[in-house]
Protein backbone atom coordinates (compact mmCIF):
# COMPACT_ATOMS: atom_id res chain seq x y z
CA MET A 1 0.00 -0.01 0.00
CA LYS A 2 2.81 2.41 0.91
CA GLU A 3 4.61 1.45 -2.34
CA ASP A 4 1.50 2.29 -4.38
CA LEU A 5 1.14 5.61 -2.63
CA LYS A 6 4.86 6.40 -3.22
CA TYR A 7 4.62 5.89 -6.95
CA THR A 8 1.29 7.68 -7.23
CA LEU A 9 3.09 10.68 -5.74
CA MET A 10 6.03 10.11 -8.09
CA VAL A 11 3.71 10.21 -11.08
CA ALA A 12 1.92 13.30 -9.75
CA GLY A 13 5.31 14.98 -9.19
CA MET A 14 6.36 14.19 -12.76
CA VAL A 15 3.14 15.64 -14.24
CA ILE A 16 3.33 18.77 -12.09
CA ALA A 17 7.02 19.35 -12.74
CA TRP A 18 6.61 18.98 -16.48
CA SER A 19 3.57 21.22 -16.53
CA VAL A 20 5.29 24.01 -14.58
CA TYR A 21 8.37 23.71 -16.83
CA TYR A 22 6.38 24.15 -20.04
CA ALA A 23 4.43 27.12 -18.59
CA VAL A 24 7.61 28.87 -17.50
CA SER A 25 9.37 27.99 -20.76
CA LYS A 26 6.53 29.56 -22.75
CA VAL A 27 6.81 32.79 -20.75
CA LEU A 28 10.60 32.92 -20.99
CA VAL A 29 10.52 32.38 -24.82
CA ASP A 30 8.14 35.37 -25.08
CA LEU A 31 10.33 37.53 -22.79
CA THR A 32 13.66 36.67 -24.44
CA GLY A 33 12.29 36.33 -27.99
CA SER A 34 14.44 33.24 -28.52
CA PRO A 35 13.72 29.58 -27.78
CA LEU A 36 17.51 28.94 -27.84
CA ALA A 37 18.27 31.63 -25.24
CA ALA A 38 15.39 30.50 -23.03
CA GLY A 39 16.55 26.85 -23.31
CA PHE A 40 20.09 27.92 -22.34
CA LEU A 41 18.89 29.79 -19.25
CA LEU A 42 16.60 26.99 -18.06
CA ARG A 43 19.28 24.32 -18.49
CA SER A 44 21.85 26.55 -16.75
CA ALA A 45 19.55 26.96 -13.75
CA ALA A 46 18.90 23.22 -13.71
CA LEU A 47 22.67 22.55 -13.78
CA VAL A 48 23.02 24.52 -10.53
CA PHE A 49 20.32 22.50 -8.80
CA LEU A 50 21.64 19.18 -10.11
CA THR A 51 25.19 20.05 -8.97
CA VAL A 52 24.03 21.00 -5.51
CA GLN A 53 22.06 17.74 -5.30
CA LEU A 54 25.07 15.61 -6.23
CA LEU A 55 27.31 17.56 -3.79
CA LEU A 56 24.83 17.04 -0.95
CA ASP A 57 24.53 13.35 -1.74
CA GLY A 58 28.29 12.97 -2.01
CA ASN A 59 28.02 11.61 -5.51
CA PHE A 60 29.59 14.42 -7.53
CA SER A 61 32.87 12.55 -8.04
CA ARG A 62 30.99 9.69 -9.71
CA LEU A 63 30.43 11.95 -12.70
CA PHE A 64 34.00 11.30 -13.73
CA HIS A 65 34.01 7.57 -13.29
CA GLN A 66 31.32 6.30 -15.69
CA GLY A 67 33.53 4.16 -17.94
CA LYS A 68 31.91 2.85 -21.14
CA ALA A 69 28.48 4.02 -19.91
CA VAL A 70 29.53 7.63 -20.72
CA ILE A 71 28.72 6.93 -24.39
CA ILE A 72 25.07 6.13 -23.78
CA LEU A 73 24.83 9.08 -21.33
CA LEU A 74 26.00 11.41 -24.09
CA ILE A 75 23.64 9.87 -26.59
CA ILE A 76 20.72 10.57 -24.24
CA GLY A 77 21.76 14.22 -24.10
CA VAL A 78 22.05 14.48 -27.90
CA PHE A 79 18.57 13.02 -28.36
CA GLY A 80 17.26 15.36 -25.69
CA PHE A 81 18.53 18.32 -27.72
CA LEU A 82 17.35 16.96 -31.04
CA LEU A 83 13.73 16.54 -29.89
CA ASP A 84 13.62 20.26 -29.05
CA LEU A 85 15.42 21.26 -32.26
CA PHE A 86 13.14 19.27 -34.56
CA ALA A 87 10.02 20.59 -32.84
CA ASN A 88 11.24 24.20 -33.24
CA LEU A 89 12.04 23.58 -36.93
CA GLY A 90 8.54 22.16 -37.41
CA TYR A 91 6.86 25.15 -35.77
CA ALA A 92 8.99 27.55 -37.86
CA GLY A 93 7.53 26.16 -41.10
CA GLY A 94 4.22 24.60 -40.04
CA SER A 95 1.07 25.25 -38.08
CA LEU A 96 0.58 25.01 -34.33
CA SER A 97 -2.43 22.68 -34.54
CA THR A 98 -0.70 20.19 -36.86
CA GLY A 99 2.47 20.29 -34.81
CA THR A 100 0.65 19.72 -31.57
CA ALA A 101 -1.11 16.69 -33.00
CA LEU A 102 1.95 15.16 -34.55
CA LEU A 103 4.12 15.61 -31.49
CA LYS A 104 1.66 13.53 -29.53
CA THR A 105 2.19 10.54 -31.82
CA ASP A 106 5.14 9.64 -29.59
CA VAL A 107 2.59 7.80 -27.40
CA LEU A 108 1.59 5.58 -30.34
CA MET A 109 5.24 5.10 -31.35
CA VAL A 110 6.11 3.90 -27.87
CA ASN A 111 3.15 1.49 -27.86
CA LEU A 112 4.25 0.06 -31.23
CA ALA A 113 7.81 -0.28 -30.12
CA THR A 114 6.69 -1.98 -26.88
CA VAL A 115 4.80 -4.62 -28.85
CA ILE A 116 7.05 -5.06 -31.90
CA LEU A 117 10.52 -4.57 -30.52
CA TYR A 118 10.16 -5.56 -26.86
CA HIS A 119 7.44 -8.19 -27.31
CA LYS A 120 5.34 -6.87 -24.47
CA LYS A 121 1.62 -7.59 -24.42
CA LEU A 122 -0.84 -4.69 -24.80
CA TYR A 123 -4.58 -5.45 -24.62
CA ILE A 124 -7.08 -3.97 -26.99
CA SER A 125 -8.34 -1.98 -24.00
CA ASP A 126 -4.88 -0.44 -23.67
CA TRP A 127 -4.99 0.80 -27.30
CA ILE A 128 -8.56 2.08 -26.80
CA GLY A 129 -7.60 3.87 -23.63
CA THR A 130 -4.53 5.41 -25.34
CA LEU A 131 -6.61 6.72 -28.28
CA ILE A 132 -9.23 8.10 -25.91
CA MET A 133 -6.61 9.93 -23.85
CA LEU A 134 -4.90 11.21 -26.98
CA LEU A 135 -8.19 12.62 -28.28
CA GLY A 136 -8.85 14.29 -24.96
CA VAL A 137 -5.37 15.84 -24.89
CA LEU A 138 -5.87 17.35 -28.39
CA LEU A 139 -9.21 18.84 -27.21
CA VAL A 140 -7.55 20.30 -24.08
CA LEU A 141 -4.76 21.75 -26.24
CA GLY A 142 -7.38 23.37 -28.50
CA VAL A 143 -6.23 21.70 -31.71
CA ASP A 144 -8.25 22.96 -34.66
CA PHE A 145 -8.89 19.70 -36.59
CA GLY A 146 -10.70 21.57 -39.38
CA GLY A 147 -7.87 24.07 -39.85
CA MET A 148 -5.05 21.56 -39.90
CA GLU A 149 -2.79 21.89 -42.92
CA PHE A 150 0.16 19.64 -43.80
CA HIS A 151 3.49 20.90 -45.05
CA PRO A 152 6.80 19.14 -45.82
CA THR A 153 8.28 20.68 -42.66
CA ASP A 154 5.73 18.79 -40.58
CA LEU A 155 8.05 15.80 -40.87
CA PHE A 156 10.19 17.56 -38.28
CA PHE A 157 7.34 17.05 -35.78
CA LEU A 158 7.42 13.30 -36.43
CA LEU A 159 11.21 13.31 -36.02
CA SER A 160 10.81 15.07 -32.71
CA ALA A 161 8.23 12.52 -31.56
CA ALA A 162 10.57 9.73 -32.71
CA CYS A 163 13.45 11.23 -30.69
CA VAL A 164 11.25 11.49 -27.57
CA SER A 165 10.24 7.87 -27.94
CA ALA A 166 13.70 6.59 -28.66
CA ASN A 167 15.22 8.53 -25.77
CA ALA A 168 12.81 6.96 -23.29
CA PHE A 169 13.98 3.48 -24.31
CA ILE A 170 17.64 4.57 -24.33
CA ILE A 171 17.25 5.93 -20.82
CA LYS A 172 15.67 2.64 -19.66
CA THR A 173 18.62 0.73 -21.30
CA ALA A 174 21.07 2.91 -19.38
CA GLN A 175 19.22 2.08 -16.17
CA GLU A 176 18.83 -1.63 -16.71
CA ARG A 177 21.93 -2.66 -18.74
CA TYR A 178 24.46 -0.18 -17.40
CA ARG A 179 22.95 0.21 -13.93
CA GLU A 180 23.01 3.97 -14.19
CA ASP A 181 20.92 5.82 -11.66
CA ALA A 182 18.59 8.72 -12.39
CA ASP A 183 20.95 11.36 -11.06
CA MET A 184 23.88 10.48 -13.31
CA ILE A 185 21.60 10.30 -16.40
CA SER A 186 20.05 13.63 -15.39
CA TYR A 187 23.34 15.44 -15.05
CA TYR A 188 24.86 14.22 -18.32
CA ASN A 189 21.60 14.80 -20.18
CA ASN A 190 21.28 18.36 -18.91
CA PHE A 191 24.96 19.22 -19.44
CA VAL A 192 24.99 17.97 -23.06
CA VAL A 193 21.68 19.76 -23.91
CA LEU A 194 22.96 22.91 -22.19
CA LEU A 195 26.15 22.82 -24.25
CA LEU A 196 24.28 22.31 -27.52
CA PHE A 197 21.81 25.14 -26.67
CA ALA A 198 24.78 27.43 -25.90
CA VAL A 199 26.46 26.64 -29.25
CA SER A 200 23.22 27.05 -31.14
CA ALA A 201 22.26 30.31 -29.38
CA VAL A 202 25.70 31.83 -29.98
CA SER A 203 25.70 30.73 -33.64
CA ALA A 204 22.25 32.26 -34.11
CA GLY A 205 23.26 35.46 -32.34
CA ASP A 206 20.58 35.04 -29.74
CA LEU A 207 22.73 34.94 -26.64
CA HIS A 208 23.21 38.56 -25.67
CA PHE A 209 22.97 38.96 -21.90
CA SER A 210 22.79 42.74 -22.23
CA ALA A 211 19.49 42.33 -24.11
CA LEU A 212 17.88 40.14 -21.44
CA PRO A 213 15.35 41.52 -18.92
CA THR A 214 17.07 42.39 -15.66
CA GLY A 215 14.18 42.47 -13.22
CA PRO A 216 14.02 40.07 -10.23
CA ALA A 217 10.76 38.60 -11.61
CA PHE A 218 12.52 37.46 -14.78
CA TRP A 219 15.31 35.73 -12.90
CA ALA A 220 12.80 34.20 -10.45
CA LEU A 221 11.13 32.61 -13.44
CA VAL A 222 14.50 31.22 -14.61
CA VAL A 223 15.10 29.73 -11.19
CA LEU A 224 11.55 28.28 -11.12
CA GLY A 225 12.03 26.79 -14.56
CA GLY A 226 15.39 25.30 -13.59
CA LEU A 227 13.81 23.78 -10.47
CA ALA A 228 10.98 22.35 -12.56
CA GLN A 229 13.49 20.87 -15.09
CA THR A 230 15.31 19.27 -12.12
CA GLY A 231 11.99 17.86 -10.90
CA ILE A 232 11.40 16.40 -14.36
CA TYR A 233 14.70 14.55 -14.22
CA PHE A 234 14.07 13.33 -10.70
CA PHE A 235 10.54 11.99 -11.20
CA TYR A 236 10.58 10.99 -14.87
CA TYR A 237 13.71 8.87 -14.72
CA ARG A 238 12.61 7.13 -11.53
CA ASN A 239 9.21 6.38 -13.07
CA LEU A 240 10.89 4.95 -16.12
CA ARG A 241 12.84 2.56 -13.92
CA HIS A 242 9.70 1.44 -12.06
CA PHE A 243 7.06 1.37 -14.85
CA GLU A 244 6.98 0.24 -18.47
CA VAL A 245 7.81 3.05 -20.92
CA TRP A 246 4.35 3.00 -22.58
CA LEU A 247 2.64 3.53 -19.20
CA VAL A 248 4.84 6.45 -18.25
CA LYS A 249 4.00 8.04 -21.62
CA LEU A 250 0.33 7.60 -20.89
CA TYR A 251 0.73 9.25 -17.50
CA LEU A 252 2.33 12.20 -19.23
CA LEU A 253 -0.85 12.71 -21.25
CA LEU A 254 -2.22 14.08 -17.99
CA MET A 255 0.25 16.93 -18.27
CA PRO A 256 -1.87 19.15 -20.59
CA VAL A 257 -4.71 18.89 -18.11
CA MET A 258 -2.46 20.26 -15.35
CA SER A 259 -1.02 22.83 -17.80
CA CYS A 260 -4.59 23.94 -18.60
CA PHE A 261 -5.28 24.78 -14.95
CA ILE A 262 -1.93 26.54 -14.60
CA GLY A 263 -2.80 28.65 -17.61
CA VAL A 264 -6.22 29.52 -16.13
CA PHE A 265 -4.99 30.48 -12.65
CA PHE A 266 -1.61 32.11 -13.52
CA LEU A 267 -1.55 33.08 -17.23
CA ASN A 268 -5.12 34.48 -17.57
CA GLU A 269 -6.15 31.77 -20.04
CA GLU A 270 -9.82 30.82 -20.45
CA LEU A 271 -11.23 27.49 -19.38
CA THR A 272 -13.55 26.74 -22.36
CA VAL A 273 -16.22 24.10 -22.74
CA LYS A 274 -13.99 22.33 -25.25
CA LYS A 275 -11.14 22.15 -22.78
CA LEU A 276 -13.44 20.86 -20.02
CA LEU A 277 -14.72 18.16 -22.39
CA GLY A 278 -11.14 17.25 -23.22
CA ILE A 279 -10.32 16.92 -19.51
CA LEU A 280 -13.22 14.51 -19.04
CA VAL A 281 -12.17 12.52 -22.10
CA VAL A 282 -8.59 12.24 -20.84
CA LEU A 283 -9.77 11.03 -17.43
CA ALA A 284 -12.12 8.50 -19.12
CA GLY A 285 -9.19 7.09 -21.12
CA ALA A 286 -7.03 6.94 -18.00
CA ALA A 287 -9.80 5.00 -16.24
CA VAL A 288 -9.75 2.44 -19.06
CA ILE A 289 -6.04 1.95 -18.63
CA LEU A 290 -6.21 1.70 -14.83
CA GLN A 291 -8.95 -0.92 -15.00
CA ARG A 292 -7.06 -3.04 -17.56
CA GLY A 293 -6.76 -5.94 -15.11
CA ARG A 294 -10.52 -6.14 -14.47
CA ILE A 295 -11.40 -5.52 -18.12
CA ASN A 296 -9.17 -8.31 -19.37
CA HIS A 297 -9.52 -10.55 -16.31
CA ALA A 298 -5.75 -10.47 -15.85
CA GLY A 299 -3.17 -8.88 -13.63
CA ARG A 300 -1.81 -5.45 -14.25
CA PRO A 301 1.65 -6.01 -15.83
CA VAL A 302 2.57 -2.37 -15.82
CA ARG A 303 5.62 -2.47 -13.58
CA ASN A 304 9.04 -3.77 -14.19
CA THR A 305 9.91 -7.08 -12.61
């Protein structure tokens, strides 16, 4: 019972941290006028928190003794950067509605990989629940199905979704095959992504500290975003170790619901009937997944053994 409560809180922490991060990231991109500069600032703040965490745990020296595992840790960081890069390239040449919908295909990609590559069993109810949750998420995000247009650059959205999906499995491989813990993976991932954001921002001419807002509210947002990014690493990687990848991805579909309420209470966004309907649809899909054992008269093989 205590174990169930622990991981319920871990999932909740993951959803909240990711929702706060995206909300802060959106505001910082608007304030800086550059996704690259905002990404650099957020990852820099996260690096401070991650460094303090390792120092307090007495594990900082382990960063320099990873052996062959350092290769997979660097790969995780590269994929972490590519998923952001491809999404931004897609948005630069495509529509918001199309991009939002295509980026969510990572859930379906993970399901397919779970069945085809990892030979895990997913019930029909799992697929139905996934599709219901996905539909609800698109409603919450306000995707305009009628106004969707497809462009060649929309392929970048699919590449981003593929990178997200692949990275989840690579992280799980690092945990299971190389026995890497969440903190080592987090630090390397964040450092590599920070370095690539810095190079990209400098190359694009976006990293001018003199042009950044200087008020305390701005830097408070940077700190909050860095703390949220650290929370993502802490909860997401530990959930990946405990649960199957496909289930963690489904839990993350609850994130737009949380983001919706954050937008309403802190960003003056409107809670429309369409969004409320989407929330109900998401919760209905989640209920189907959570009742998979009863529906299929089987156990709930959702955790790693």
